Amino acid sequence: MKTITVKQITNAINVSDNLARKYLRGANKPSYENMLILNKKLKIPFTAWIDIVSYLNVRQVRHKQIR
């Protein structure tokens, strides 16, 4: 597994770095259309946006354990 970065989100859906950071902090959620794109390009499931911070933390912990 890999960490999802601001740059990956900005490249995938053409939003500002600031907005991508808000998505990753859980302060904002992408539109449905952008969720579709992020699911396809970055494999972020729709359910992850319910609590994206927890989703990303779990992914990072699992990644560290695999190494």
PDB file of N, CA and C in Angstrom:
ATOM      1  N   MET A   1       0.827  -1.188   0.000  1.00  0.00           N
ATOM      2  CA  MET A   1       0.000   0.000   0.000  1.00  0.00           C
ATOM      3  C   MET A   1       0.867   1.246   0.000  1.00  0.00           C
ATOM      4  N   LYS A   2       0.298   2.314  -0.516  1.00  0.00           N
ATOM      5  CA  LYS A   2       1.067   3.542  -0.551  1.00  0.00           C
ATOM      6  C   LYS A   2       0.292   4.674   0.092  1.00  0.00           C
ATOM      7  N   THR A   3       0.997   5.684   0.468  1.00  0.00           N
ATOM      8  CA  THR A   3       0.389   6.878   1.040  1.00  0.00           C
ATOM      9  C   THR A   3      -0.216   7.708  -0.091  1.00  0.00           C
ATOM     10  N   ILE A   4      -1.339   8.313   0.171  1.00  0.00           N
ATOM     11  CA  ILE A   4      -1.971   9.198  -0.806  1.00  0.00           C
ATOM     12  C   ILE A   4      -1.503  10.611  -0.510  1.00  0.00           C
ATOM     13  N   THR A   5      -0.998  11.282  -1.535  1.00  0.00           N
ATOM     14  CA  THR A   5      -0.430  12.611  -1.351  1.00  0.00           C
ATOM     15  C   THR A   5      -1.337  13.696  -1.948  1.00  0.00           C
ATOM     16  N   VAL A   6      -1.091  14.911  -1.504  1.00  0.00           N
ATOM     17  CA  VAL A   6      -1.791  16.071  -2.047  1.00  0.00           C
ATOM     18  C   VAL A   6      -1.558  16.138  -3.553  1.00  0.00           C
ATOM     19  N   LYS A   7      -0.337  15.920  -3.972  1.00  0.00           N
ATOM     20  CA  LYS A   7       0.005  16.009  -5.399  1.00  0.00           C
ATOM     21  C   LYS A   7      -0.775  14.994  -6.229  1.00  0.00           C
ATOM     22  N   GLN A   8      -0.939  13.779  -5.699  1.00  0.00           N
ATOM     23  CA  GLN A   8      -1.703  12.763  -6.425  1.00  0.00           C
ATOM     24  C   GLN A   8      -3.151  13.213  -6.623  1.00  0.00           C
ATOM     25  N   ILE A   9      -3.715  13.797  -5.589  1.00  0.00           N
ATOM     26  CA  ILE A   9      -5.099  14.264  -5.697  1.00  0.00           C
ATOM     27  C   ILE A   9      -5.202  15.434  -6.665  1.00  0.00           C
ATOM     28  N   THR A  10      -4.284  16.395  -6.555  1.00  0.00           N
ATOM     29  CA  THR A  10      -4.342  17.555  -7.459  1.00  0.00           C
ATOM     30  C   THR A  10      -4.170  17.122  -8.913  1.00  0.00           C
ATOM     31  N   ASN A  11      -3.315  16.161  -9.153  1.00  0.00           N
ATOM     32  CA  ASN A  11      -3.116  15.667 -10.521  1.00  0.00           C
ATOM     33  C   ASN A  11      -4.322  14.889 -11.025  1.00  0.00           C
ATOM     34  N   ALA A  12      -4.953  14.131 -10.152  1.00  0.00           N
ATOM     35  CA  ALA A  12      -6.072  13.280 -10.561  1.00  0.00           C
ATOM     36  C   ALA A  12      -7.323  14.076 -10.889  1.00  0.00           C
ATOM     37  N   ILE A  13      -7.621  15.096 -10.075  1.00  0.00           N
ATOM     38  CA  ILE A  13      -8.903  15.797 -10.253  1.00  0.00           C
ATOM     39  C   ILE A  13      -8.767  17.301 -10.495  1.00  0.00           C
ATOM     40  N   ASN A  14      -7.548  17.761 -10.681  1.00  0.00           N
ATOM     41  CA  ASN A  14      -7.307  19.155 -11.042  1.00  0.00           C
ATOM     42  C   ASN A  14      -7.944  20.146 -10.065  1.00  0.00           C
ATOM     43  N   VAL A  15      -7.575  19.998  -8.795  1.00  0.00           N
ATOM     44  CA  VAL A  15      -7.994  20.959  -7.768  1.00  0.00           C
ATOM     45  C   VAL A  15      -6.740  21.598  -7.175  1.00  0.00           C
ATOM     46  N   SER A  16      -6.940  22.647  -6.401  1.00  0.00           N
ATOM     47  CA  SER A  16      -5.802  23.323  -5.788  1.00  0.00           C
ATOM     48  C   SER A  16      -5.199  22.458  -4.687  1.00  0.00           C
ATOM     49  N   ASP A  17      -3.942  22.744  -4.351  1.00  0.00           N
ATOM     50  CA  ASP A  17      -3.284  22.048  -3.244  1.00  0.00           C
ATOM     51  C   ASP A  17      -4.060  22.264  -1.953  1.00  0.00           C
ATOM     52  N   ASN A  18      -4.539  23.484  -1.756  1.00  0.00           N
ATOM     53  CA  ASN A  18      -5.284  23.814  -0.543  1.00  0.00           C
ATOM     54  C   ASN A  18      -6.544  22.948  -0.406  1.00  0.00           C
ATOM     55  N   LEU A  19      -7.286  22.794  -1.489  1.00  0.00           N
ATOM     56  CA  LEU A  19      -8.501  21.987  -1.445  1.00  0.00           C
ATOM     57  C   LEU A  19      -8.160  20.511  -1.239  1.00  0.00           C
ATOM     58  N   ALA A  20      -7.106  20.031  -1.881  1.00  0.00           N
ATOM     59  CA  ALA A  20      -6.686  18.637  -1.703  1.00  0.00           C
ATOM     60  C   ALA A  20      -6.299  18.387  -0.238  1.00  0.00           C
ATOM     61  N   ARG A  21      -5.630  19.343   0.380  1.00  0.00           N
ATOM     62  CA  ARG A  21      -5.277  19.207   1.800  1.00  0.00           C
ATOM     63  C   ARG A  21      -6.539  19.132   2.667  1.00  0.00           C
ATOM     64  N   LYS A  22      -7.536  19.934   2.328  1.00  0.00           N
ATOM     65  CA  LYS A  22      -8.797  19.888   3.072  1.00  0.00           C
ATOM     66  C   LYS A  22      -9.457  18.524   2.928  1.00  0.00           C
ATOM     67  N   TYR A  23      -9.388  17.945   1.746  1.00  0.00           N
ATOM     68  CA  TYR A  23      -9.933  16.597   1.543  1.00  0.00           C
ATOM     69  C   TYR A  23      -9.211  15.602   2.444  1.00  0.00           C
ATOM     70  N   LEU A  24      -7.889  15.679   2.480  1.00  0.00           N
ATOM     71  CA  LEU A  24      -7.106  14.708   3.247  1.00  0.00           C
ATOM     72  C   LEU A  24      -7.247  14.908   4.758  1.00  0.00           C
ATOM     73  N   ARG A  25      -7.608  16.108   5.193  1.00  0.00           N
ATOM     74  CA  ARG A  25      -7.859  16.370   6.618  1.00  0.00           C
ATOM     75  C   ARG A  25      -9.295  16.035   7.008  1.00  0.00           C
ATOM     76  N   GLY A  26     -10.144  15.844   6.008  1.00  0.00           N
ATOM     77  CA  GLY A  26     -11.553  15.575   6.278  1.00  0.00           C
ATOM     78  C   GLY A  26     -12.377  16.826   6.454  1.00  0.00           C
ATOM     79  N   ALA A  27     -11.798  17.998   6.183  1.00  0.00           N
ATOM     80  CA  ALA A  27     -12.513  19.268   6.328  1.00  0.00           C
ATOM     81  C   ALA A  27     -13.538  19.462   5.212  1.00  0.00           C
ATOM     82  N   ASN A  28     -13.270  18.939   4.037  1.00  0.00           N
ATOM     83  CA  ASN A  28     -14.163  18.977   2.874  1.00  0.00           C
ATOM     84  C   ASN A  28     -14.197  17.582   2.267  1.00  0.00           C
ATOM     85  N   LYS A  29     -15.210  17.355   1.451  1.00  0.00           N
ATOM     86  CA  LYS A  29     -15.292  16.098   0.708  1.00  0.00           C
ATOM     87  C   LYS A  29     -15.376  16.418  -0.781  1.00  0.00           C
ATOM     88  N   PRO A  30     -14.764  15.585  -1.614  1.00  0.00           N
ATOM     89  CA  PRO A  30     -14.863  15.822  -3.055  1.00  0.00           C
ATOM     90  C   PRO A  30     -16.297  15.598  -3.545  1.00  0.00           C
ATOM     91  N   SER A  31     -16.585  16.170  -4.694  1.00  0.00           N
ATOM     92  CA  SER A  31     -17.892  15.930  -5.307  1.00  0.00           C
ATOM     93  C   SER A  31     -17.993  14.451  -5.694  1.00  0.00           C
ATOM     94  N   TYR A  32     -19.193  14.010  -5.964  1.00  0.00           N
ATOM     95  CA  TYR A  32     -19.401  12.619  -6.370  1.00  0.00           C
ATOM     96  C   TYR A  32     -18.572  12.291  -7.608  1.00  0.00           C
ATOM     97  N   GLU A  33     -18.557  13.195  -8.575  1.00  0.00           N
ATOM     98  CA  GLU A  33     -17.798  12.972  -9.805  1.00  0.00           C
ATOM     99  C   GLU A  33     -16.305  12.819  -9.499  1.00  0.00           C
ATOM    100  N   ASN A  34     -15.795  13.665  -8.596  1.00  0.00           N
ATOM    101  CA  ASN A  34     -14.382  13.565  -8.228  1.00  0.00           C
ATOM    102  C   ASN A  34     -14.100  12.298  -7.426  1.00  0.00           C
ATOM    103  N   MET A  35     -15.073  11.871  -6.613  1.00  0.00           N
ATOM    104  CA  MET A  35     -14.901  10.599  -5.907  1.00  0.00           C
ATOM    105  C   MET A  35     -14.778   9.446  -6.897  1.00  0.00           C
ATOM    106  N   LEU A  36     -15.555   9.501  -7.967  1.00  0.00           N
ATOM    107  CA  LEU A  36     -15.464   8.469  -9.006  1.00  0.00           C
ATOM    108  C   LEU A  36     -14.065   8.431  -9.615  1.00  0.00           C
ATOM    109  N   ILE A  37     -13.537   9.602  -9.916  1.00  0.00           N
ATOM    110  CA  ILE A  37     -12.202   9.690 -10.512  1.00  0.00           C
ATOM    111  C   ILE A  37     -11.141   9.206  -9.521  1.00  0.00           C
ATOM    112  N   LEU A  38     -11.238   9.634  -8.264  1.00  0.00           N
ATOM    113  CA  LEU A  38     -10.260   9.222  -7.257  1.00  0.00           C
ATOM    114  C   LEU A  38     -10.331   7.723  -6.990  1.00  0.00           C
ATOM    115  N   ASN A  39     -11.521   7.169  -7.081  1.00  0.00           N
ATOM    116  CA  ASN A  39     -11.664   5.726  -6.927  1.00  0.00           C
ATOM    117  C   ASN A  39     -10.969   4.997  -8.070  1.00  0.00           C
ATOM    118  N   LYS A  40     -11.170   5.488  -9.264  1.00  0.00           N
ATOM    119  CA  LYS A  40     -10.579   4.846 -10.447  1.00  0.00           C
ATOM    120  C   LYS A  40      -9.057   5.019 -10.491  1.00  0.00           C
ATOM    121  N   LYS A  41      -8.584   6.232 -10.271  1.00  0.00           N
ATOM    122  CA  LYS A  41      -7.153   6.513 -10.420  1.00  0.00           C
ATOM    123  C   LYS A  41      -6.319   6.162  -9.198  1.00  0.00           C
ATOM    124  N   LEU A  42      -6.845   6.401  -7.982  1.00  0.00           N
ATOM    125  CA  LEU A  42      -6.060   6.198  -6.766  1.00  0.00           C
ATOM    126  C   LEU A  42      -6.589   5.069  -5.888  1.00  0.00           C
ATOM    127  N   LYS A  43      -7.666   4.432  -6.347  1.00  0.00           N
ATOM    128  CA  LYS A  43      -8.254   3.294  -5.612  1.00  0.00           C
ATOM    129  C   LYS A  43      -8.750   3.680  -4.222  1.00  0.00           C
ATOM    130  N   ILE A  44      -9.263   4.913  -4.078  1.00  0.00           N
ATOM    131  CA  ILE A  44      -9.845   5.343  -2.805  1.00  0.00           C
ATOM    132  C   ILE A  44     -11.321   4.959  -2.840  1.00  0.00           C
ATOM    133  N   PRO A  45     -11.743   4.032  -1.989  1.00  0.00           N
ATOM    134  CA  PRO A  45     -13.157   3.625  -2.011  1.00  0.00           C
ATOM    135  C   PRO A  45     -14.067   4.753  -1.537  1.00  0.00           C
ATOM    136  N   PHE A  46     -15.302   4.723  -2.004  1.00  0.00           N
ATOM    137  CA  PHE A  46     -16.268   5.756  -1.620  1.00  0.00           C
ATOM    138  C   PHE A  46     -16.448   5.812  -0.113  1.00  0.00           C
ATOM    139  N   THR A  47     -16.468   4.674   0.540  1.00  0.00           N
ATOM    140  CA  THR A  47     -16.679   4.633   1.982  1.00  0.00           C
ATOM    141  C   THR A  47     -15.534   5.282   2.756  1.00  0.00           C
ATOM    142  N   ALA A  48     -14.373   5.404   2.153  1.00  0.00           N
ATOM    143  CA  ALA A  48     -13.235   6.034   2.830  1.00  0.00           C
ATOM    144  C   ALA A  48     -13.522   7.494   3.149  1.00  0.00           C
ATOM    145  N   TRP A  49     -14.368   8.143   2.357  1.00  0.00           N
ATOM    146  CA  TRP A  49     -14.628   9.571   2.557  1.00  0.00           C
ATOM    147  C   TRP A  49     -15.510   9.831   3.767  1.00  0.00           C
ATOM    148  N   ILE A  50     -16.085   8.779   4.362  1.00  0.00           N
ATOM    149  CA  ILE A  50     -16.848   8.954   5.600  1.00  0.00           C
ATOM    150  C   ILE A  50     -15.905   9.444   6.698  1.00  0.00           C
ATOM    151  N   ASP A  51     -14.710   8.845   6.734  1.00  0.00           N
ATOM    152  CA  ASP A  51     -13.680   9.251   7.706  1.00  0.00           C
ATOM    153  C   ASP A  51     -12.315   9.051   7.052  1.00  0.00           C
ATOM    154  N   ILE A  52     -11.953   9.954   6.177  1.00  0.00           N
ATOM    155  CA  ILE A  52     -10.731   9.819   5.382  1.00  0.00           C
ATOM    156  C   ILE A  52      -9.484   9.811   6.248  1.00  0.00           C
ATOM    157  N   VAL A  53      -9.488  10.542   7.340  1.00  0.00           N
ATOM    158  CA  VAL A  53      -8.310  10.594   8.208  1.00  0.00           C
ATOM    159  C   VAL A  53      -8.017   9.205   8.774  1.00  0.00           C
ATOM    160  N   SER A  54      -9.024   8.538   9.289  1.00  0.00           N
ATOM    161  CA  SER A  54      -8.829   7.176   9.809  1.00  0.00           C
ATOM    162  C   SER A  54      -8.413   6.222   8.707  1.00  0.00           C
ATOM    163  N   TYR A  55      -9.036   6.346   7.547  1.00  0.00           N
ATOM    164  CA  TYR A  55      -8.690   5.491   6.411  1.00  0.00           C
ATOM    165  C   TYR A  55      -7.220   5.646   6.046  1.00  0.00           C
ATOM    166  N   LEU A  56      -6.750   6.864   5.970  1.00  0.00           N
ATOM    167  CA  LEU A  56      -5.348   7.097   5.600  1.00  0.00           C
ATOM    168  C   LEU A  56      -4.402   6.626   6.695  1.00  0.00           C
ATOM    169  N   ASN A  57      -4.760   6.839   7.960  1.00  0.00           N
ATOM    170  CA  ASN A  57      -3.909   6.376   9.059  1.00  0.00           C
ATOM    171  C   ASN A  57      -3.786   4.862   9.061  1.00  0.00           C
ATOM    172  N   VAL A  58      -4.863   4.158   8.829  1.00  0.00           N
ATOM    173  CA  VAL A  58      -4.828   2.696   8.777  1.00  0.00           C
ATOM    174  C   VAL A  58      -3.955   2.242   7.616  1.00  0.00           C
ATOM    175  N   ARG A  59      -4.091   2.903   6.475  1.00  0.00           N
ATOM    176  CA  ARG A  59      -3.276   2.538   5.309  1.00  0.00           C
ATOM    177  C   ARG A  59      -1.792   2.732   5.615  1.00  0.00           C
ATOM    178  N   GLN A  60      -1.440   3.825   6.279  1.00  0.00           N
ATOM    179  CA  GLN A  60      -0.038   4.096   6.572  1.00  0.00           C
ATOM    180  C   GLN A  60       0.513   3.094   7.586  1.00  0.00           C
ATOM    181  N   VAL A  61      -0.270   2.741   8.578  1.00  0.00           N
ATOM    182  CA  VAL A  61       0.178   1.765   9.580  1.00  0.00           C
ATOM    183  C   VAL A  61       0.402   0.409   8.915  1.00  0.00           C
ATOM    184  N   ARG A  62      -0.533   0.003   8.078  1.00  0.00           N
ATOM    185  CA  ARG A  62      -0.385  -1.283   7.389  1.00  0.00           C
ATOM    186  C   ARG A  62       0.848  -1.268   6.501  1.00  0.00           C
ATOM    187  N   HIS A  63       1.077  -0.150   5.824  1.00  0.00           N
ATOM    188  CA  HIS A  63       2.244  -0.032   4.949  1.00  0.00           C
ATOM    189  C   HIS A  63       3.533  -0.196   5.745  1.00  0.00           C
ATOM    190  N   LYS A  64       3.600   0.429   6.906  1.00  0.00           N
ATOM    191  CA  LYS A  64       4.800   0.325   7.742  1.00  0.00           C
ATOM    192  C   LYS A  64       4.987  -1.091   8.256  1.00  0.00           C
ATOM    193  N   GLN A  65       3.900  -1.794   8.548  1.00  0.00           N
ATOM    194  CA  GLN A  65       4.006  -3.170   9.050  1.00  0.00           C
ATOM    195  C   GLN A  65       4.473  -4.126   7.962  1.00  0.00           C
ATOM    196  N   ILE A  66       4.129  -3.857   6.725  1.00  0.00           N
ATOM    197  CA  ILE A  66       4.515  -4.723   5.610  1.00  0.00           C
ATOM    198  C   ILE A  66       6.001  -4.646   5.345  1.00  0.00           C
ATOM    199  N   ARG A  67       6.594  -3.490   5.522  1.00  0.00           N
ATOM    200  CA  ARG A  67       8.020  -3.303   5.245  1.00  0.00           C
ATOM    201  C   ARG A  67       8.819  -4.192   6.052  1.00  0.00           C
TER     202      ARG A  67
END
